[in-house]
Protein backbone atom coordinates (compact mmCIF):
# COMPACT_ATOMS: atom_id res chain seq x y z
CA UNK A 1 13.72 14.81 3.11
CA UNK A 2 16.46 12.25 2.56
CA UNK A 3 18.07 13.35 5.83
CA UNK A 4 14.75 13.02 7.67
CA UNK A 5 14.48 9.39 6.65
CA UNK A 6 18.06 8.61 7.55
CA UNK A 7 17.57 9.86 11.09
CA UNK A 8 15.11 7.03 11.86
CA UNK A 9 17.84 4.69 13.05
CA UNK A 10 16.43 1.38 14.14
CA UNK A 11 19.92 -0.03 14.21
CA UNK A 12 22.62 1.82 16.09
CA UNK A 13 25.77 1.04 14.11
CA UNK A 14 27.94 1.12 17.23
CA UNK A 15 25.82 -1.58 18.87
CA UNK A 16 25.09 -3.91 15.97
CA UNK A 17 27.32 -6.62 17.36
CA UNK A 18 27.15 -5.69 21.01
CA UNK A 19 24.73 -6.32 23.82
CA UNK A 20 24.49 -2.98 25.57
CA UNK A 21 20.72 -2.71 25.79
CA UNK A 22 20.28 -1.73 22.14
CA UNK A 23 19.78 -3.84 19.07
CA UNK A 24 20.72 -7.49 19.11
CA UNK A 25 20.84 -9.14 15.70
CA UNK A 26 19.88 -12.79 15.97
CA UNK A 27 22.66 -14.97 14.68
CA UNK A 28 21.85 -17.44 11.90
CA UNK A 29 18.56 -18.12 10.17
CA UNK A 30 15.27 -16.74 11.48
CA UNK A 31 12.00 -18.60 11.02
CA UNK A 32 9.29 -16.04 10.29
CA UNK A 33 5.51 -16.38 9.87
CA UNK A 34 3.67 -13.66 7.93
CA UNK A 35 -0.09 -13.21 8.14
CA UNK A 36 -2.77 -10.56 7.67
CA UNK A 37 -2.48 -10.29 3.88
CA UNK A 38 -4.99 -11.85 1.49
CA UNK A 39 -2.79 -13.84 -0.86
CA UNK A 40 0.68 -13.74 -2.35
CA UNK A 41 1.66 -13.48 -5.11
CA UNK A 42 -1.12 -10.96 -5.75
CA UNK A 43 -1.74 -7.25 -6.25
CA UNK A 44 -5.03 -7.22 -4.36
CA UNK A 45 -3.78 -4.34 -2.24
CA UNK A 46 -0.73 -2.64 -0.82
CA UNK A 47 -0.43 -5.11 2.06
CA UNK A 48 -0.01 -8.00 -0.37
CA UNK A 49 2.77 -6.16 -2.22
CA UNK A 50 4.58 -5.39 1.04
CA UNK A 51 4.25 -8.95 2.36
CA UNK A 52 5.65 -10.36 -0.88
CA UNK A 53 8.54 -7.90 -1.19
CA UNK A 54 9.57 -8.35 2.45
CA UNK A 55 9.26 -12.13 2.38
CA UNK A 56 11.17 -12.62 -0.86
CA UNK A 57 14.06 -10.45 0.31
CA UNK A 58 14.17 -12.12 3.72
CA UNK A 59 14.47 -15.48 1.95
CA UNK A 60 17.32 -14.09 -0.17
CA UNK A 61 19.09 -13.16 3.08
CA UNK A 62 18.87 -16.77 4.23
CA UNK A 63 15.82 -16.61 6.50
CA UNK A 64 12.90 -19.03 6.33
CA UNK A 65 9.53 -17.37 5.68
CA UNK A 66 6.05 -18.88 5.68
CA UNK A 67 3.14 -16.76 4.42
CA UNK A 68 -0.36 -17.73 5.47
CA UNK A 69 -2.73 -17.00 2.58
CA UNK A 70 -6.46 -16.82 3.01
CA UNK A 71 -8.67 -19.12 0.97
CA UNK A 72 -11.19 -17.66 -1.47
CA UNK A 73 -11.44 -15.53 -4.57
CA UNK A 74 -9.47 -12.47 -5.67
CA UNK A 75 -11.01 -9.27 -4.29
CA UNK A 76 -11.67 -8.02 -7.86
CA UNK A 77 -13.36 -11.23 -8.99
CA UNK A 78 -12.81 -14.96 -9.47
CA UNK A 79 -11.48 -14.37 -12.99
CA UNK A 80 -8.29 -13.00 -11.42
CA UNK A 81 -7.70 -16.00 -9.17
CA UNK A 82 -4.18 -17.34 -9.43
CA UNK A 83 -2.90 -20.85 -8.99
CA UNK A 84 -2.81 -22.05 -5.38
CA UNK A 85 0.90 -22.46 -4.71
CA UNK A 86 2.84 -24.14 -1.93
CA UNK A 87 6.02 -22.16 -2.62
CA UNK A 88 6.87 -18.91 -4.39
CA UNK A 89 10.33 -17.30 -4.69
CA UNK A 90 11.49 -19.58 -1.88
CA UNK A 91 8.62 -18.46 0.38
CA UNK A 92 6.57 -21.28 1.89
CA UNK A 93 2.87 -20.66 1.31
CA UNK A 94 0.13 -22.18 3.43
CA UNK A 95 -3.57 -21.60 2.81
CA UNK A 96 -5.86 -21.37 5.84
CA UNK A 97 -9.64 -21.89 6.18
CA UNK A 98 -11.66 -18.74 5.47
CA UNK A 99 -15.33 -17.78 5.65
CA UNK A 100 -15.61 -15.79 2.46
CA UNK A 101 -18.09 -13.12 3.49
CA UNK A 102 -17.62 -9.40 3.95
CA UNK A 103 -16.27 -8.73 7.44
CA UNK A 104 -15.57 -12.41 8.15
CA UNK A 105 -12.85 -13.31 5.64
CA UNK A 106 -10.08 -11.33 7.35
CA UNK A 107 -11.23 -12.32 10.84
CA UNK A 108 -11.45 -16.07 10.21
CA UNK A 109 -8.32 -16.37 8.08
CA UNK A 110 -6.23 -14.40 10.57
CA UNK A 111 -7.55 -16.54 13.44
CA UNK A 112 -6.52 -19.80 11.79
CA UNK A 113 -3.21 -18.32 10.61
CA UNK A 114 -2.45 -17.04 14.12
CA UNK A 115 -3.17 -20.47 15.62
CA UNK A 116 -0.89 -22.19 13.09
CA UNK A 117 1.83 -19.62 13.69
CA UNK A 118 1.47 -19.96 17.46
CA UNK A 119 2.09 -23.69 17.35
CA UNK A 120 4.65 -23.61 14.54
CA UNK A 121 8.39 -23.46 15.00
CA UNK A 122 8.82 -19.73 14.39
CA UNK A 123 11.06 -17.11 15.94
CA UNK A 124 8.93 -14.20 14.69
CA UNK A 125 5.23 -13.81 13.90
CA UNK A 126 4.75 -10.73 11.72
CA UNK A 127 1.13 -9.57 11.43
CA UNK A 128 0.04 -7.01 8.85
CA UNK A 129 -2.88 -4.59 9.44
CA UNK A 130 -5.00 -3.66 12.44
CA UNK A 131 -7.86 -6.13 11.93
CA UNK A 132 -5.64 -9.25 11.88
CA UNK A 133 -3.74 -7.81 14.88
CA UNK A 134 -6.80 -8.74 16.97
CA UNK A 135 -5.29 -12.25 16.96
CA UNK A 136 -1.78 -11.26 18.05
CA UNK A 137 -2.45 -12.48 21.59
CA UNK A 138 -2.57 -16.08 20.32
CA UNK A 139 1.07 -16.41 19.20
CA UNK A 140 2.10 -14.18 22.11
CA UNK A 141 0.45 -16.63 24.53
CA UNK A 142 2.67 -19.35 23.06
CA UNK A 143 5.83 -17.35 23.64
CA UNK A 144 6.39 -16.05 20.13
CA UNK A 145 7.92 -12.64 19.40
CA UNK A 146 5.14 -10.68 17.69
CA UNK A 147 5.63 -7.74 15.33
CA UNK A 148 2.63 -5.84 13.93
CA UNK A 149 2.76 -3.50 10.95
CA UNK A 150 -0.05 -0.93 10.95
CA UNK A 151 -0.58 -0.04 7.30
CA UNK A 152 -3.13 2.64 8.15
CA UNK A 153 -5.96 3.43 10.56
CA UNK A 154 -8.35 1.09 8.79
CA UNK A 155 -11.29 1.75 11.11
CA UNK A 156 -11.55 5.18 9.48
CA UNK A 157 -12.33 3.72 6.05
CA UNK A 158 -15.82 4.47 4.76
CA UNK A 159 -16.86 0.84 4.27
CA UNK A 160 -16.32 0.11 8.00
CA UNK A 161 -17.61 3.35 9.52
CA UNK A 162 -20.26 3.05 12.20
CA UNK A 163 -20.55 -0.73 12.13
CA UNK A 164 -19.11 -3.85 13.68
CA UNK A 165 -16.15 -3.77 11.28
CA UNK A 166 -14.92 -0.45 12.63
CA UNK A 167 -15.24 -1.63 16.24
CA UNK A 168 -13.43 -4.88 15.48
CA UNK A 169 -10.54 -3.12 13.73
CA UNK A 170 -10.23 -0.70 16.64
CA UNK A 171 -10.14 -3.75 18.94
CA UNK A 172 -7.28 -5.11 16.81
CA UNK A 173 -5.45 -1.82 17.23
CA UNK A 174 -5.77 -2.09 21.01
CA UNK A 175 -4.57 -5.71 20.93
CA UNK A 176 -1.48 -4.61 19.01
CA UNK A 177 -0.79 -1.95 21.63
CA UNK A 178 -1.17 -4.48 24.47
CA UNK A 179 0.42 -7.64 23.08
CA UNK A 180 2.81 -6.84 20.22
CA UNK A 181 6.50 -6.70 21.06
CA UNK A 182 6.97 -4.04 18.39
CA UNK A 183 4.62 -1.99 16.21
CA UNK A 184 5.79 -0.68 12.84
CA UNK A 185 3.97 2.28 11.28
CA UNK A 186 4.27 3.74 7.78
CA UNK A 187 3.84 7.43 8.51
CA UNK A 188 4.78 9.97 11.15
CA UNK A 189 1.10 10.87 11.50
CA UNK A 190 0.21 7.34 12.62
CA UNK A 191 3.28 7.26 14.85
CA UNK A 192 1.99 10.39 16.60
CA UNK A 193 -1.52 8.91 16.83
CA UNK A 194 -0.30 5.86 18.77
CA UNK A 195 1.74 8.00 21.13
CA UNK A 196 -1.07 10.52 21.74
CA UNK A 197 -3.81 7.88 22.04
CA UNK A 198 -2.07 5.06 23.90
CA UNK A 199 1.31 6.41 24.99
CA UNK A 200 2.77 3.59 22.88
CA UNK A 201 6.06 4.03 21.07
CA UNK A 202 6.14 2.72 17.50
CA UNK A 203 8.82 2.39 14.84
CA UNK A 204 8.52 4.27 11.56
CA UNK A 205 9.62 2.15 8.61
CA UNK A 206 8.14 3.31 5.28
CA UNK A 207 7.35 1.05 2.35
CA UNK A 208 9.82 0.56 -0.48
CA UNK A 209 9.75 0.67 -4.26
CA UNK A 210 11.68 -0.99 -7.07
CA UNK A 211 13.10 0.82 -10.09
CA UNK A 212 10.88 -0.50 -12.90
CA UNK A 213 11.26 -1.24 -16.58
CA UNK A 214 9.73 1.53 -18.69
CA UNK A 215 7.53 0.09 -21.44
CA UNK A 216 6.23 1.58 -24.67
CA UNK A 217 2.49 1.71 -25.28
CA UNK A 218 1.49 -1.53 -26.99
CA UNK A 219 -1.15 -3.45 -25.04
CA UNK A 220 -2.83 -0.23 -23.88
CA UNK A 221 -2.92 1.04 -27.47
CA UNK A 222 -4.54 -2.19 -28.60
CA UNK A 223 -7.12 -2.29 -25.81
CA UNK A 224 -8.00 1.37 -25.27
CA UNK A 225 -6.28 3.40 -28.01
CA UNK A 226 -3.92 5.04 -25.51
CA UNK A 227 -0.65 6.63 -26.61
CA UNK A 228 2.19 8.12 -24.57
CA UNK A 229 1.14 11.31 -22.72
CA UNK A 230 -2.43 11.03 -24.00
CA UNK A 231 -4.11 10.39 -20.63
CA UNK A 232 -4.32 11.21 -16.94
CA UNK A 233 -4.08 8.16 -14.67
CA UNK A 234 -5.60 7.13 -11.39
CA UNK A 235 -4.61 3.62 -10.26
CA UNK A 236 -5.84 1.99 -7.08
CA UNK A 237 -8.83 0.35 -5.46
CA UNK A 238 -12.14 1.99 -6.35
CA UNK A 239 -13.20 2.98 -2.84
CA UNK A 240 -14.57 6.32 -1.56
CA UNK A 241 -11.55 7.25 0.59
CA UNK A 242 -9.36 7.40 -2.53
CA UNK A 243 -11.08 10.70 -3.41
CA UNK A 244 -12.39 9.57 -6.80
CA UNK A 245 -15.57 11.61 -6.44
CA UNK A 246 -13.45 14.79 -6.33
CA UNK A 247 -11.35 13.68 -9.28
CA UNK A 248 -14.34 12.87 -11.47
CA UNK A 249 -16.09 16.12 -10.60
CA UNK A 250 -12.96 18.23 -11.24
CA UNK A 251 -12.20 16.48 -14.53
CA UNK A 252 -15.82 16.73 -15.65
CA UNK A 253 -15.74 20.48 -15.06
CA UNK A 254 -12.64 20.83 -17.25
CA UNK A 255 -14.12 18.71 -20.06
CA UNK A 256 -17.33 20.75 -20.15
CA UNK A 257 -15.32 23.97 -20.38
CA UNK A 258 -13.04 22.59 -23.10
CA UNK A 259 -10.03 22.48 -20.77
CA UNK A 260 -9.15 18.77 -20.89
CA UNK A 261 -7.72 17.34 -24.11
CA UNK A 262 -6.47 14.16 -22.42
CA UNK A 263 -8.54 11.20 -21.35
CA UNK A 264 -8.98 10.14 -17.74
CA UNK A 265 -8.05 6.50 -17.08
CA UNK A 266 -9.39 5.03 -13.85
CA UNK A 267 -7.57 1.74 -13.32
CA UNK A 268 -8.40 -0.68 -10.54
CA UNK A 269 -11.01 -3.02 -9.17
CA UNK A 270 -13.51 -2.57 -6.38
CA UNK A 271 -13.30 -3.80 -2.82
CA UNK A 272 -16.04 -6.19 -1.56
CA UNK A 273 -18.65 -4.50 -3.75
CA UNK A 274 -18.93 -2.96 -7.21
CA UNK A 275 -21.52 -0.41 -6.07
CA UNK A 276 -19.06 2.47 -5.80
CA UNK A 277 -17.53 1.72 -9.22
CA UNK A 278 -21.04 1.75 -10.72
CA UNK A 279 -21.74 5.08 -9.02
CA UNK A 280 -18.62 6.58 -10.63
CA UNK A 281 -19.59 5.27 -14.05
CA UNK A 282 -23.03 6.82 -13.72
CA UNK A 283 -21.50 10.19 -12.82
CA UNK A 284 -19.27 9.95 -15.90
CA UNK A 285 -22.09 8.94 -18.24
CA UNK A 286 -22.31 12.34 -19.96
CA UNK A 287 -18.51 12.42 -20.57
CA UNK A 288 -18.07 8.68 -21.15
CA UNK A 289 -16.05 9.24 -24.34
CA UNK A 290 -13.39 10.94 -22.19
CA UNK A 291 -13.17 8.38 -19.34
CA UNK A 292 -11.86 4.81 -19.42
CA UNK A 293 -12.53 2.33 -16.61
CA UNK A 294 -10.05 -0.50 -17.08
CA UNK A 295 -11.00 -2.76 -14.16
CA UNK A 296 -8.28 -4.60 -12.25
CA UNK A 297 -4.89 -4.38 -14.01
CA UNK A 298 -1.62 -6.23 -13.48
CA UNK A 299 1.54 -7.35 -15.25
CA UNK A 300 2.73 -5.76 -18.50
CA UNK A 301 -0.47 -3.73 -18.91
CA UNK A 302 0.07 -2.14 -15.50
CA UNK A 303 3.66 -1.27 -16.44
CA UNK A 304 2.48 0.34 -19.68
CA UNK A 305 -0.16 2.45 -17.93
CA UNK A 306 2.41 3.79 -15.47
CA UNK A 307 5.06 4.27 -18.18
CA UNK A 308 2.99 6.38 -20.57
CA UNK A 309 0.64 8.60 -18.56
CA UNK A 310 0.94 12.40 -18.74
CA UNK A 311 -0.04 12.94 -15.09
CA UNK A 312 -0.71 10.52 -12.24
CA UNK A 313 -3.35 11.65 -9.74
CA UNK A 314 -3.97 10.39 -6.19
CA UNK A 315 -6.75 12.49 -4.59
CA UNK A 316 -7.09 10.43 -1.38
CA UNK A 317 -8.68 11.53 1.88
CA UNK A 318 -7.10 8.61 3.72
CA UNK A 319 -3.97 6.51 3.15
CA UNK A 320 -1.52 4.37 5.05
CA UNK A 321 1.50 4.80 2.82
CA UNK A 322 0.38 4.82 -0.82
CA UNK A 323 2.41 2.25 -2.74
CA UNK A 324 0.75 3.30 -5.99
CA UNK A 325 2.22 6.78 -5.51
CA UNK A 326 5.71 5.37 -4.92
CA UNK A 327 5.29 3.24 -8.03
CA UNK A 328 4.00 6.13 -10.14
CA UNK A 329 6.99 8.27 -9.21
CA UNK A 330 9.40 5.38 -9.81
CA UNK A 331 8.24 5.37 -13.44
CA UNK A 332 9.19 9.05 -13.70
CA UNK A 333 5.71 10.56 -13.56
CA UNK A 334 4.47 14.01 -12.71
CA UNK A 335 2.13 13.40 -9.76
CA UNK A 336 -0.77 15.49 -8.47
CA UNK A 337 -1.77 14.42 -4.96
CA UNK A 338 -3.87 15.54 -2.01
CA UNK A 339 -1.99 17.31 0.77
CA UNK A 340 -2.62 14.68 3.46
CA UNK A 341 0.51 13.91 5.49
CA UNK A 342 0.81 10.40 4.06
CA UNK A 343 1.17 11.83 0.53
CA UNK A 344 3.02 15.04 1.37
CA UNK A 345 5.75 13.21 3.29
CA UNK A 346 6.33 10.85 0.35
CA UNK A 347 6.63 13.39 -2.46
CA UNK A 348 8.44 16.25 -0.75
CA UNK A 349 8.84 18.99 -3.36
CA UNK A 350 8.82 16.53 -6.27
CA UNK A 351 5.06 16.58 -6.96
CA UNK A 352 2.12 19.00 -7.02
CA UNK A 353 -0.21 19.14 -4.02
CA UNK A 354 -3.84 20.24 -3.81
CA UNK A 355 -6.01 20.80 -0.74
CA UNK A 356 -7.67 17.57 0.40
CA UNK A 357 -11.34 17.24 -0.64
CA UNK A 358 -11.22 20.60 -2.46
CA UNK A 359 -12.63 20.05 -5.96
CA UNK A 360 -11.93 23.60 -7.13
CA UNK A 361 -8.29 23.47 -6.02
CA UNK A 362 -7.88 20.07 -7.68
CA UNK A 363 -9.44 21.39 -10.88
CA UNK A 364 -7.20 24.46 -10.86
CA UNK A 365 -3.99 22.46 -10.30
CA UNK A 366 -4.97 19.93 -12.96
CA UNK A 367 -5.69 22.67 -15.49
CA UNK A 368 -2.36 24.33 -14.70
CA UNK A 369 -0.51 21.10 -15.49
CA UNK A 370 -2.53 20.36 -18.61
CA UNK A 371 -1.80 23.86 -19.90
CA UNK A 372 1.96 23.79 -19.25
CA UNK A 373 3.88 20.74 -20.47
CA UNK A 374 7.17 22.28 -19.35
CA UNK A 375 6.07 22.11 -15.71
CA UNK A 376 4.99 18.50 -16.16
CA UNK A 377 8.33 17.58 -17.72
CA UNK A 378 10.19 19.26 -14.86
CA UNK A 379 8.49 16.99 -12.33
CA UNK A 380 8.93 13.93 -14.55
CA UNK A 381 12.70 14.43 -14.75
CA UNK A 382 13.27 14.36 -10.99
CA UNK A 383 10.64 11.90 -9.75
CA UNK A 384 12.24 8.48 -10.34
CA UNK A 385 15.71 9.15 -8.94
CA UNK A 386 14.24 10.90 -5.91
CA UNK A 387 11.78 8.18 -4.95
CA UNK A 388 14.02 5.18 -5.68
CA UNK A 389 16.87 6.68 -3.65
CA UNK A 390 14.59 7.58 -0.75
CA UNK A 391 12.55 4.36 -0.54
CA UNK A 392 14.66 1.33 -1.43
CA UNK A 393 13.33 -2.08 -0.40
CA UNK A 394 16.75 -3.31 0.74
CA UNK A 395 16.81 -0.56 3.33
CA UNK A 396 13.30 -1.43 4.49
CA UNK A 397 14.26 -5.09 4.93
CA UNK A 398 17.43 -4.19 6.84
CA UNK A 399 15.39 -2.12 9.28
CA UNK A 400 12.73 -4.80 9.63
CA UNK A 401 15.33 -7.44 10.50
CA UNK A 402 16.61 -4.96 13.08
CA UNK A 403 13.12 -4.89 14.60
CA UNK A 404 12.97 -8.69 14.66
CA UNK A 405 16.15 -8.80 16.71
CA UNK A 406 15.47 -5.76 18.90
CA UNK A 407 15.72 -6.37 22.64
CA UNK A 408 12.80 -5.56 24.88
């Protein structure tokens, strides 16, 4: 798999300093506008993590980056709101007007951000996600070089299906195809989709991951009585496409048959509504002593949850490129994931796969791991080195700068 990644050469080494129709690195400092995320610094979703990691590293390289944050509350609740900053890690932060209603927050904030970016003194406008890409024509009209990162085919998500949201996101996808100078995708599956659907070439640049600090159980012991290797972990937004219904059903079956001696920890907040989280809690009512819902988690507590779980599970039906999976492996975890391309291509042979949406297969694979600690330890030993070597952020930033300076 390492060789597969290395063959995606955005920068031809023989042409780095030349001008023969290939890559042209812009000399000196670039001025870059980032938009499409909710807020940084924040862990409200994978896009926010990517925007922060990219921006901070670009600043370290000497570039000037402005991130346009949307106004409003944290997606998991106002209690998680951070301080409104004007600068963070050398990144300039500007907050734009936002109508804080479902379906309108992203649209209005990306409109105002795109207008500000269009009339600002920027070399590059980098837009994240398909919905915000609906505004990419605005900076393009003002002569800006526009790069769009498609983090996933968001119109497929359950909360948007069949309504205006899905149509609007699809419109954003078409705008990216028509107006963006370059489109970055996070998986080969999405790369193929754009070629098959629009005949549009895209550039595959996966997300990155940092090698973390492993922490002993302290805060999680105090709050939930969790010890090292005493629990199975899911961590992510509580939304249907993450496959949580399958996970809960499979785990419930094991508990009722006496085959699960470890608790299930479901860590994460909802998205726009708590209805799905409440549905999951109702399903778990008869095994509530075995299941812990932590709500939104960040900081040291997040590190401890990753550092001490026995197995990490990601049963998703739909992903862009799952940062939580990269993070889980970077902590040296045995991971059990659905066999969708976006997960399979990340883990290679270093995790256990089950058939997407198949509760019985998930239950069987989970029981196998719970019954054989030697197998779990085998995956734990190889996970961190594999994922940190394959998906380093420095490499991602180098490739992204190559896209910024790529000739038409």
